[in-house]
Amino acid sequence: MLTGKQKRFLRSNANHLQPLFQIGKNGLTEAVIHQIEEALEAKELIKVNILQNCDEDKNEIAGKLAEQDGIKVVQVIGNIIVLYKESIEKKRIELP
């Protein structure tokens, strides 16, 4: 679980990032989850954009992603979800 200080730190680092993934009308599929996990291993901190034509609620999608092993939801703001997962091989971010 992330502390408030750690979430603030990650939000400030994610501020300049562009969303890497867009979730549309097909919703959150296993293939998308697998790609998100690979991107998190490489980058540790990413943004996911939820499109307007997506049938699922953004909080449901954030909950499903948070259930995955090691993925932490930093923030849900608007239609953007900020995700963090500590990388095993390419550790870049040192949490306070």
PDB file of N, CA and C in Angstrom:
ATOM      1  N   MET A   1       0.842  -1.187   0.000  1.00  0.00           N
ATOM      2  CA  MET A   1       0.000   0.000   0.000  1.00  0.00           C
ATOM      3  C   MET A   1       0.884   1.246   0.000  1.00  0.00           C
ATOM      4  N   LEU A   2       0.499   2.198  -0.815  1.00  0.00           N
ATOM      5  CA  LEU A   2       1.263   3.443  -0.906  1.00  0.00           C
ATOM      6  C   LEU A   2       0.813   4.424   0.165  1.00  0.00           C
ATOM      7  N   THR A   3       1.763   5.129   0.747  1.00  0.00           N
ATOM      8  CA  THR A   3       1.436   6.171   1.700  1.00  0.00           C
ATOM      9  C   THR A   3       1.045   7.440   0.942  1.00  0.00           C
ATOM     10  N   GLY A   4       0.513   8.419   1.641  1.00  0.00           N
ATOM     11  CA  GLY A   4       0.134   9.685   1.030  1.00  0.00           C
ATOM     12  C   GLY A   4       1.325  10.408   0.426  1.00  0.00           C
ATOM     13  N   LYS A   5       2.442  10.361   1.124  1.00  0.00           N
ATOM     14  CA  LYS A   5       3.663  11.009   0.634  1.00  0.00           C
ATOM     15  C   LYS A   5       4.140  10.348  -0.659  1.00  0.00           C
ATOM     16  N   GLN A   6       4.083   9.022  -0.717  1.00  0.00           N
ATOM     17  CA  GLN A   6       4.501   8.304  -1.914  1.00  0.00           C
ATOM     18  C   GLN A   6       3.564   8.605  -3.088  1.00  0.00           C
ATOM     19  N   LYS A   7       2.259   8.668  -2.811  1.00  0.00           N
ATOM     20  CA  LYS A   7       1.297   8.991  -3.870  1.00  0.00           C
ATOM     21  C   LYS A   7       1.531  10.396  -4.411  1.00  0.00           C
ATOM     22  N   ARG A   8       1.805  11.351  -3.528  1.00  0.00           N
ATOM     23  CA  ARG A   8       2.111  12.716  -3.970  1.00  0.00           C
ATOM     24  C   ARG A   8       3.333  12.736  -4.868  1.00  0.00           C
ATOM     25  N   PHE A   9       4.362  12.006  -4.463  1.00  0.00           N
ATOM     26  CA  PHE A   9       5.598  11.931  -5.238  1.00  0.00           C
ATOM     27  C   PHE A   9       5.331  11.338  -6.631  1.00  0.00           C
ATOM     28  N   LEU A  10       4.556  10.246  -6.685  1.00  0.00           N
ATOM     29  CA  LEU A  10       4.263   9.600  -7.961  1.00  0.00           C
ATOM     30  C   LEU A  10       3.369  10.471  -8.838  1.00  0.00           C
ATOM     31  N   ARG A  11       2.410  11.165  -8.231  1.00  0.00           N
ATOM     32  CA  ARG A  11       1.545  12.072  -9.012  1.00  0.00           C
ATOM     33  C   ARG A  11       2.363  13.182  -9.642  1.00  0.00           C
ATOM     34  N   SER A  12       3.333  13.715  -8.905  1.00  0.00           N
ATOM     35  CA  SER A  12       4.162  14.790  -9.457  1.00  0.00           C
ATOM     36  C   SER A  12       5.035  14.256 -10.592  1.00  0.00           C
ATOM     37  N   ASN A  13       5.514  13.020 -10.484  1.00  0.00           N
ATOM     38  CA  ASN A  13       6.305  12.428 -11.568  1.00  0.00           C
ATOM     39  C   ASN A  13       5.452  12.102 -12.784  1.00  0.00           C
ATOM     40  N   ALA A  14       4.193  11.770 -12.573  1.00  0.00           N
ATOM     41  CA  ALA A  14       3.303  11.397 -13.677  1.00  0.00           C
ATOM     42  C   ALA A  14       2.700  12.608 -14.376  1.00  0.00           C
ATOM     43  N   ASN A  15       2.885  13.779 -13.809  1.00  0.00           N
ATOM     44  CA  ASN A  15       2.238  14.986 -14.333  1.00  0.00           C
ATOM     45  C   ASN A  15       2.586  15.240 -15.798  1.00  0.00           C
ATOM     46  N   HIS A  16       3.822  15.011 -16.194  1.00  0.00           N
ATOM     47  CA  HIS A  16       4.254  15.309 -17.556  1.00  0.00           C
ATOM     48  C   HIS A  16       4.049  14.144 -18.523  1.00  0.00           C
ATOM     49  N   LEU A  17       3.640  12.985 -18.024  1.00  0.00           N
ATOM     50  CA  LEU A  17       3.483  11.802 -18.874  1.00  0.00           C
ATOM     51  C   LEU A  17       2.234  11.882 -19.739  1.00  0.00           C
ATOM     52  N   GLN A  18       2.315  11.279 -20.920  1.00  0.00           N
ATOM     53  CA  GLN A  18       1.161  11.120 -21.794  1.00  0.00           C
ATOM     54  C   GLN A  18       0.603   9.713 -21.595  1.00  0.00           C
ATOM     55  N   PRO A  19      -0.720   9.527 -21.751  1.00  0.00           N
ATOM     56  CA  PRO A  19      -1.287   8.180 -21.608  1.00  0.00           C
ATOM     57  C   PRO A  19      -0.713   7.218 -22.642  1.00  0.00           C
ATOM     58  N   LEU A  20      -0.309   6.024 -22.189  1.00  0.00           N
ATOM     59  CA  LEU A  20       0.234   5.006 -23.080  1.00  0.00           C
ATOM     60  C   LEU A  20      -0.852   4.115 -23.661  1.00  0.00           C
ATOM     61  N   PHE A  21      -1.939   3.944 -22.938  1.00  0.00           N
ATOM     62  CA  PHE A  21      -3.005   3.046 -23.372  1.00  0.00           C
ATOM     63  C   PHE A  21      -4.335   3.773 -23.372  1.00  0.00           C
ATOM     64  N   GLN A  22      -5.206   3.344 -24.301  1.00  0.00           N
ATOM     65  CA  GLN A  22      -6.570   3.840 -24.336  1.00  0.00           C
ATOM     66  C   GLN A  22      -7.494   2.638 -24.244  1.00  0.00           C
ATOM     67  N   ILE A  23      -8.438   2.711 -23.337  1.00  0.00           N
ATOM     68  CA  ILE A  23      -9.403   1.624 -23.185  1.00  0.00           C
ATOM     69  C   ILE A  23     -10.717   2.120 -23.760  1.00  0.00           C
ATOM     70  N   GLY A  24     -11.200   1.417 -24.780  1.00  0.00           N
ATOM     71  CA  GLY A  24     -12.399   1.844 -25.505  1.00  0.00           C
ATOM     72  C   GLY A  24     -13.575   0.924 -25.277  1.00  0.00           C
ATOM     73  N   LYS A  25     -14.362   0.722 -26.343  1.00  0.00           N
ATOM     74  CA  LYS A  25     -15.627  -0.002 -26.204  1.00  0.00           C
ATOM     75  C   LYS A  25     -15.451  -1.477 -25.873  1.00  0.00           C
ATOM     76  N   ASN A  26     -14.276  -2.062 -26.152  1.00  0.00           N
ATOM     77  CA  ASN A  26     -14.053  -3.460 -25.783  1.00  0.00           C
ATOM     78  C   ASN A  26     -13.775  -3.629 -24.297  1.00  0.00           C
ATOM     79  N   GLY A  27     -13.502  -2.549 -23.623  1.00  0.00           N
ATOM     80  CA  GLY A  27     -13.250  -2.600 -22.189  1.00  0.00           C
ATOM     81  C   GLY A  27     -11.864  -3.136 -21.865  1.00  0.00           C
ATOM     82  N   LEU A  28     -11.713  -3.621 -20.668  1.00  0.00           N
ATOM     83  CA  LEU A  28     -10.425  -4.110 -20.176  1.00  0.00           C
ATOM     84  C   LEU A  28     -10.321  -5.604 -20.467  1.00  0.00           C
ATOM     85  N   THR A  29      -9.562  -5.973 -21.492  1.00  0.00           N
ATOM     86  CA  THR A  29      -9.396  -7.374 -21.867  1.00  0.00           C
ATOM     87  C   THR A  29      -8.105  -7.916 -21.274  1.00  0.00           C
ATOM     88  N   GLU A  30      -7.961  -9.233 -21.323  1.00  0.00           N
ATOM     89  CA  GLU A  30      -6.750  -9.875 -20.806  1.00  0.00           C
ATOM     90  C   GLU A  30      -5.517  -9.409 -21.575  1.00  0.00           C
ATOM     91  N   ALA A  31      -5.669  -9.195 -22.883  1.00  0.00           N
ATOM     92  CA  ALA A  31      -4.538  -8.746 -23.697  1.00  0.00           C
ATOM     93  C   ALA A  31      -4.077  -7.358 -23.263  1.00  0.00           C
ATOM     94  N   VAL A  32      -5.026  -6.475 -22.982  1.00  0.00           N
ATOM     95  CA  VAL A  32      -4.692  -5.119 -22.545  1.00  0.00           C
ATOM     96  C   VAL A  32      -4.011  -5.168 -21.171  1.00  0.00           C
ATOM     97  N   ILE A  33      -4.514  -5.997 -20.286  1.00  0.00           N
ATOM     98  CA  ILE A  33      -3.914  -6.140 -18.955  1.00  0.00           C
ATOM     99  C   ILE A  33      -2.471  -6.628 -19.087  1.00  0.00           C
ATOM    100  N   HIS A  34      -2.242  -7.588 -19.966  1.00  0.00           N
ATOM    101  CA  HIS A  34      -0.886  -8.120 -20.172  1.00  0.00           C
ATOM    102  C   HIS A  34       0.039  -7.029 -20.709  1.00  0.00           C
ATOM    103  N   GLN A  35      -0.435  -6.232 -21.658  1.00  0.00           N
ATOM    104  CA  GLN A  35       0.379  -5.143 -22.208  1.00  0.00           C
ATOM    105  C   GLN A  35       0.677  -4.085 -21.158  1.00  0.00           C
ATOM    106  N   ILE A  36      -0.303  -3.778 -20.313  1.00  0.00           N
ATOM    107  CA  ILE A  36      -0.105  -2.803 -19.240  1.00  0.00           C
ATOM    108  C   ILE A  36       0.957  -3.309 -18.266  1.00  0.00           C
ATOM    109  N   GLU A  37       0.899  -4.600 -17.925  1.00  0.00           N
ATOM    110  CA  GLU A  37       1.900  -5.171 -17.022  1.00  0.00           C
ATOM    111  C   GLU A  37       3.298  -5.089 -17.621  1.00  0.00           C
ATOM    112  N   GLU A  38       3.433  -5.347 -18.919  1.00  0.00           N
ATOM    113  CA  GLU A  38       4.736  -5.249 -19.580  1.00  0.00           C
ATOM    114  C   GLU A  38       5.248  -3.815 -19.578  1.00  0.00           C
ATOM    115  N   ALA A  39       4.350  -2.864 -19.844  1.00  0.00           N
ATOM    116  CA  ALA A  39       4.749  -1.455 -19.856  1.00  0.00           C
ATOM    117  C   ALA A  39       5.163  -1.007 -18.458  1.00  0.00           C
ATOM    118  N   LEU A  40       4.458  -1.476 -17.431  1.00  0.00           N
ATOM    119  CA  LEU A  40       4.816  -1.121 -16.061  1.00  0.00           C
ATOM    120  C   LEU A  40       6.172  -1.703 -15.676  1.00  0.00           C
ATOM    121  N   GLU A  41       6.492  -2.885 -16.172  1.00  0.00           N
ATOM    122  CA  GLU A  41       7.808  -3.471 -15.886  1.00  0.00           C
ATOM    123  C   GLU A  41       8.909  -2.623 -16.507  1.00  0.00           C
ATOM    124  N   ALA A  42       8.629  -2.056 -17.674  1.00  0.00           N
ATOM    125  CA  ALA A  42       9.635  -1.249 -18.362  1.00  0.00           C
ATOM    126  C   ALA A  42       9.719   0.174 -17.804  1.00  0.00           C
ATOM    127  N   LYS A  43       8.574   0.767 -17.451  1.00  0.00           N
ATOM    128  CA  LYS A  43       8.557   2.183 -17.091  1.00  0.00           C
ATOM    129  C   LYS A  43       8.231   2.470 -15.631  1.00  0.00           C
ATOM    130  N   GLU A  44       7.573   1.564 -14.948  1.00  0.00           N
ATOM    131  CA  GLU A  44       7.151   1.669 -13.539  1.00  0.00           C
ATOM    132  C   GLU A  44       5.954   2.595 -13.317  1.00  0.00           C
ATOM    133  N   LEU A  45       5.820   3.658 -14.089  1.00  0.00           N
ATOM    134  CA  LEU A  45       4.748   4.633 -13.871  1.00  0.00           C
ATOM    135  C   LEU A  45       4.140   4.987 -15.222  1.00  0.00           C
ATOM    136  N   ILE A  46       2.829   4.717 -15.389  1.00  0.00           N
ATOM    137  CA  ILE A  46       2.164   5.005 -16.663  1.00  0.00           C
ATOM    138  C   ILE A  46       0.783   5.601 -16.417  1.00  0.00           C
ATOM    139  N   LYS A  47       0.242   6.177 -17.495  1.00  0.00           N
ATOM    140  CA  LYS A  47      -1.127   6.664 -17.489  1.00  0.00           C
ATOM    141  C   LYS A  47      -1.945   5.848 -18.485  1.00  0.00           C
ATOM    142  N   VAL A  48      -3.210   5.615 -18.138  1.00  0.00           N
ATOM    143  CA  VAL A  48      -4.150   4.915 -19.004  1.00  0.00           C
ATOM    144  C   VAL A  48      -5.352   5.832 -19.198  1.00  0.00           C
ATOM    145  N   ASN A  49      -5.748   6.020 -20.462  1.00  0.00           N
ATOM    146  CA  ASN A  49      -6.880   6.879 -20.792  1.00  0.00           C
ATOM    147  C   ASN A  49      -8.120   6.018 -21.013  1.00  0.00           C
ATOM    148  N   ILE A  50      -9.239   6.380 -20.399  1.00  0.00           N
ATOM    149  CA  ILE A  50     -10.511   5.691 -20.595  1.00  0.00           C
ATOM    150  C   ILE A  50     -11.329   6.538 -21.573  1.00  0.00           C
ATOM    151  N   LEU A  51     -11.648   5.965 -22.717  1.00  0.00           N
ATOM    152  CA  LEU A  51     -12.388   6.707 -23.730  1.00  0.00           C
ATOM    153  C   LEU A  51     -13.861   6.820 -23.359  1.00  0.00           C
ATOM    154  N   GLN A  52     -14.541   7.769 -23.979  1.00  0.00           N
ATOM    155  CA  GLN A  52     -15.950   8.009 -23.663  1.00  0.00           C
ATOM    156  C   GLN A  52     -16.849   6.859 -24.083  1.00  0.00           C
ATOM    157  N   ASN A  53     -16.454   6.111 -25.123  1.00  0.00           N
ATOM    158  CA  ASN A  53     -17.310   5.015 -25.580  1.00  0.00           C
ATOM    159  C   ASN A  53     -17.101   3.720 -24.798  1.00  0.00           C
ATOM    160  N   CYS A  54     -16.305   3.764 -23.747  1.00  0.00           N
ATOM    161  CA  CYS A  54     -16.076   2.591 -22.904  1.00  0.00           C
ATOM    162  C   CYS A  54     -17.310   2.336 -22.044  1.00  0.00           C
ATOM    163  N   ASP A  55     -17.776   1.075 -22.048  1.00  0.00           N
ATOM    164  CA  ASP A  55     -18.986   0.721 -21.304  1.00  0.00           C
ATOM    165  C   ASP A  55     -18.731   0.584 -19.802  1.00  0.00           C
ATOM    166  N   GLU A  56     -17.500   0.276 -19.421  1.00  0.00           N
ATOM    167  CA  GLU A  56     -17.175   0.076 -18.016  1.00  0.00           C
ATOM    168  C   GLU A  56     -16.880   1.415 -17.332  1.00  0.00           C
ATOM    169  N   ASP A  57     -17.135   1.462 -16.042  1.00  0.00           N
ATOM    170  CA  ASP A  57     -16.844   2.654 -15.244  1.00  0.00           C
ATOM    171  C   ASP A  57     -15.345   2.723 -14.969  1.00  0.00           C
ATOM    172  N   LYS A  58     -14.817   3.935 -14.927  1.00  0.00           N
ATOM    173  CA  LYS A  58     -13.367   4.107 -14.711  1.00  0.00           C
ATOM    174  C   LYS A  58     -12.926   3.539 -13.363  1.00  0.00           C
ATOM    175  N   ASN A  59     -13.779   3.628 -12.348  1.00  0.00           N
ATOM    176  CA  ASN A  59     -13.417   3.090 -11.035  1.00  0.00           C
ATOM    177  C   ASN A  59     -13.410   1.560 -11.029  1.00  0.00           C
ATOM    178  N   GLU A  60     -14.301   0.947 -11.841  1.00  0.00           N
ATOM    179  CA  GLU A  60     -14.294  -0.510 -11.976  1.00  0.00           C
ATOM    180  C   GLU A  60     -13.008  -0.973 -12.646  1.00  0.00           C
ATOM    181  N   ILE A  61     -12.600  -0.246 -13.685  1.00  0.00           N
ATOM    182  CA  ILE A  61     -11.365  -0.590 -14.397  1.00  0.00           C
ATOM    183  C   ILE A  61     -10.167  -0.433 -13.463  1.00  0.00           C
ATOM    184  N   ALA A  62     -10.142   0.652 -12.692  1.00  0.00           N
ATOM    185  CA  ALA A  62      -9.049   0.870 -11.737  1.00  0.00           C
ATOM    186  C   ALA A  62      -9.024  -0.254 -10.704  1.00  0.00           C
ATOM    187  N   GLY A  63     -10.183  -0.690 -10.258  1.00  0.00           N
ATOM    188  CA  GLY A  63     -10.258  -1.790  -9.299  1.00  0.00           C
ATOM    189  C   GLY A  63      -9.733  -3.093  -9.867  1.00  0.00           C
ATOM    190  N   LYS A  64     -10.094  -3.385 -11.130  1.00  0.00           N
ATOM    191  CA  LYS A  64      -9.604  -4.611 -11.770  1.00  0.00           C
ATOM    192  C   LYS A  64      -8.090  -4.567 -11.938  1.00  0.00           C
ATOM    193  N   LEU A  65      -7.559  -3.404 -12.292  1.00  0.00           N
ATOM    194  CA  LEU A  65      -6.110  -3.281 -12.452  1.00  0.00           C
ATOM    195  C   LEU A  65      -5.401  -3.400 -11.109  1.00  0.00           C
ATOM    196  N   ALA A  66      -6.010  -2.862 -10.057  1.00  0.00           N
ATOM    197  CA  ALA A  66      -5.405  -2.929  -8.726  1.00  0.00           C
ATOM    198  C   ALA A  66      -5.370  -4.363  -8.199  1.00  0.00           C
ATOM    199  N   GLU A  67      -6.270  -5.224  -8.699  1.00  0.00           N
ATOM    200  CA  GLU A  67      -6.279  -6.621  -8.277  1.00  0.00           C
ATOM    201  C   GLU A  67      -5.114  -7.408  -8.859  1.00  0.00           C
ATOM    202  N   GLN A  68      -4.510  -6.897  -9.936  1.00  0.00           N
ATOM    203  CA  GLN A  68      -3.367  -7.577 -10.547  1.00  0.00           C
ATOM    204  C   GLN A  68      -2.176  -7.508  -9.590  1.00  0.00           C
ATOM    205  N   ASP A  69      -1.300  -8.473  -9.710  1.00  0.00           N
ATOM    206  CA  ASP A  69      -0.178  -8.623  -8.784  1.00  0.00           C
ATOM    207  C   ASP A  69       0.781  -7.443  -8.854  1.00  0.00           C
ATOM    208  N   GLY A  70       0.858  -6.669  -7.782  1.00  0.00           N
ATOM    209  CA  GLY A  70       1.841  -5.596  -7.668  1.00  0.00           C
ATOM    210  C   GLY A  70       1.434  -4.257  -8.236  1.00  0.00           C
ATOM    211  N   ILE A  71       0.340  -4.192  -9.007  1.00  0.00           N
ATOM    212  CA  ILE A  71      -0.071  -2.919  -9.611  1.00  0.00           C
ATOM    213  C   ILE A  71      -0.803  -2.090  -8.566  1.00  0.00           C
ATOM    214  N   LYS A  72      -0.394  -0.826  -8.460  1.00  0.00           N
ATOM    215  CA  LYS A  72      -1.023   0.088  -7.514  1.00  0.00           C
ATOM    216  C   LYS A  72      -1.614   1.264  -8.281  1.00  0.00           C
ATOM    217  N   VAL A  73      -2.861   1.600  -7.958  1.00  0.00           N
ATOM    218  CA  VAL A  73      -3.512   2.754  -8.566  1.00  0.00           C
ATOM    219  C   VAL A  73      -3.113   3.975  -7.761  1.00  0.00           C
ATOM    220  N   VAL A  74      -2.417   4.909  -8.408  1.00  0.00           N
ATOM    221  CA  VAL A  74      -1.960   6.114  -7.744  1.00  0.00           C
ATOM    222  C   VAL A  74      -3.080   7.139  -7.708  1.00  0.00           C
ATOM    223  N   GLN A  75      -3.789   7.292  -8.851  1.00  0.00           N
ATOM    224  CA  GLN A  75      -4.783   8.346  -8.954  1.00  0.00           C
ATOM    225  C   GLN A  75      -5.757   8.026 -10.082  1.00  0.00           C
ATOM    226  N   VAL A  76      -7.022   8.372  -9.860  1.00  0.00           N
ATOM    227  CA  VAL A  76      -8.028   8.370 -10.916  1.00  0.00           C
ATOM    228  C   VAL A  76      -8.547   9.789 -10.993  1.00  0.00           C
ATOM    229  N   ILE A  77      -8.245  10.462 -12.086  1.00  0.00           N
ATOM    230  CA  ILE A  77      -8.664  11.853 -12.235  1.00  0.00           C
ATOM    231  C   ILE A  77      -9.225  12.037 -13.643  1.00  0.00           C
ATOM    232  N   GLY A  78     -10.447  12.494 -13.719  1.00  0.00           N
ATOM    233  CA  GLY A  78     -11.100  12.600 -15.019  1.00  0.00           C
ATOM    234  C   GLY A  78     -11.228  11.217 -15.615  1.00  0.00           C
ATOM    235  N   ASN A  79     -10.768  11.050 -16.841  1.00  0.00           N
ATOM    236  CA  ASN A  79     -10.760   9.738 -17.489  1.00  0.00           C
ATOM    237  C   ASN A  79      -9.356   9.149 -17.562  1.00  0.00           C
ATOM    238  N   ILE A  80      -8.488   9.584 -16.682  1.00  0.00           N
ATOM    239  CA  ILE A  80      -7.100   9.121 -16.659  1.00  0.00           C
ATOM    240  C   ILE A  80      -6.842   8.347 -15.366  1.00  0.00           C
ATOM    241  N   ILE A  81      -6.195   7.188 -15.521  1.00  0.00           N
ATOM    242  CA  ILE A  81      -5.778   6.389 -14.369  1.00  0.00           C
ATOM    243  C   ILE A  81      -4.252   6.361 -14.364  1.00  0.00           C
ATOM    244  N   VAL A  82      -3.655   6.692 -13.226  1.00  0.00           N
ATOM    245  CA  VAL A  82      -2.198   6.643 -13.075  1.00  0.00           C
ATOM    246  C   VAL A  82      -1.866   5.368 -12.309  1.00  0.00           C
ATOM    247  N   LEU A  83      -0.984   4.540 -12.915  1.00  0.00           N
ATOM    248  CA  LEU A  83      -0.627   3.249 -12.337  1.00  0.00           C
ATOM    249  C   LEU A  83       0.861   3.187 -12.020  1.00  0.00           C
ATOM    250  N   TYR A  84       1.191   2.454 -10.952  1.00  0.00           N
ATOM    251  CA  TYR A  84       2.589   2.259 -10.561  1.00  0.00           C
ATOM    252  C   TYR A  84       2.805   0.795 -10.206  1.00  0.00           C
ATOM    253  N   LYS A  85       3.928   0.276 -10.643  1.00  0.00           N
ATOM    254  CA  LYS A  85       4.357  -1.062 -10.219  1.00  0.00           C
ATOM    255  C   LYS A  85       5.871  -1.058 -10.166  1.00  0.00           C
ATOM    256  N   GLU A  86       6.416  -1.459  -9.046  1.00  0.00           N
ATOM    257  CA  GLU A  86       7.871  -1.493  -8.894  1.00  0.00           C
ATOM    258  C   GLU A  86       8.454  -2.531  -9.841  1.00  0.00           C
ATOM    259  N   SER A  87       9.424  -2.110 -10.638  1.00  0.00           N
ATOM    260  CA  SER A  87      10.057  -2.982 -11.620  1.00  0.00           C
ATOM    261  C   SER A  87      11.050  -3.908 -10.937  1.00  0.00           C
ATOM    262  N   ILE A  88      11.150  -5.114 -11.457  1.00  0.00           N
ATOM    263  CA  ILE A  88      12.097  -6.078 -10.905  1.00  0.00           C
ATOM    264  C   ILE A  88      13.488  -5.855 -11.490  1.00  0.00           C
ATOM    265  N   GLU A  89      13.565  -5.644 -12.806  1.00  0.00           N
ATOM    266  CA  GLU A  89      14.859  -5.539 -13.473  1.00  0.00           C
ATOM    267  C   GLU A  89      15.298  -4.104 -13.747  1.00  0.00           C
ATOM    268  N   LYS A  90      14.360  -3.208 -14.042  1.00  0.00           N
ATOM    269  CA  LYS A  90      14.709  -1.847 -14.456  1.00  0.00           C
ATOM    270  C   LYS A  90      14.190  -0.819 -13.460  1.00  0.00           C
ATOM    271  N   LYS A  91      14.627  -0.918 -12.226  1.00  0.00           N
ATOM    272  CA  LYS A  91      14.142   0.000 -11.194  1.00  0.00           C
ATOM    273  C   LYS A  91      14.646   1.409 -11.456  1.00  0.00           C
ATOM    274  N   ARG A  92      13.717   2.361 -11.629  1.00  0.00           N
ATOM    275  CA  ARG A  92      14.064   3.741 -11.911  1.00  0.00           C
ATOM    276  C   ARG A  92      13.613   4.701 -10.808  1.00  0.00           C
ATOM    277  N   ILE A  93      12.489   4.420 -10.212  1.00  0.00           N
ATOM    278  CA  ILE A  93      11.883   5.345  -9.261  1.00  0.00           C
ATOM    279  C   ILE A  93      12.177   4.884  -7.836  1.00  0.00           C
ATOM    280  N   GLU A  94      12.744   5.778  -7.050  1.00  0.00           N
ATOM    281  CA  GLU A  94      12.957   5.527  -5.623  1.00  0.00           C
ATOM    282  C   GLU A  94      11.868   6.243  -4.842  1.00  0.00           C
ATOM    283  N   LEU A  95      11.006   5.501  -4.186  1.00  0.00           N
ATOM    284  CA  LEU A  95       9.932   6.107  -3.412  1.00  0.00           C
ATOM    285  C   LEU A  95      10.485   6.698  -2.125  1.00  0.00           C
ATOM    286  N   PRO A  96       9.921   7.835  -1.694  1.00  0.00           N
ATOM    287  CA  PRO A  96      10.381   8.446  -0.434  1.00  0.00           C
ATOM    288  C   PRO A  96       9.964   7.618   0.772  1.00  0.00           C
TER     289      PRO A  96
END
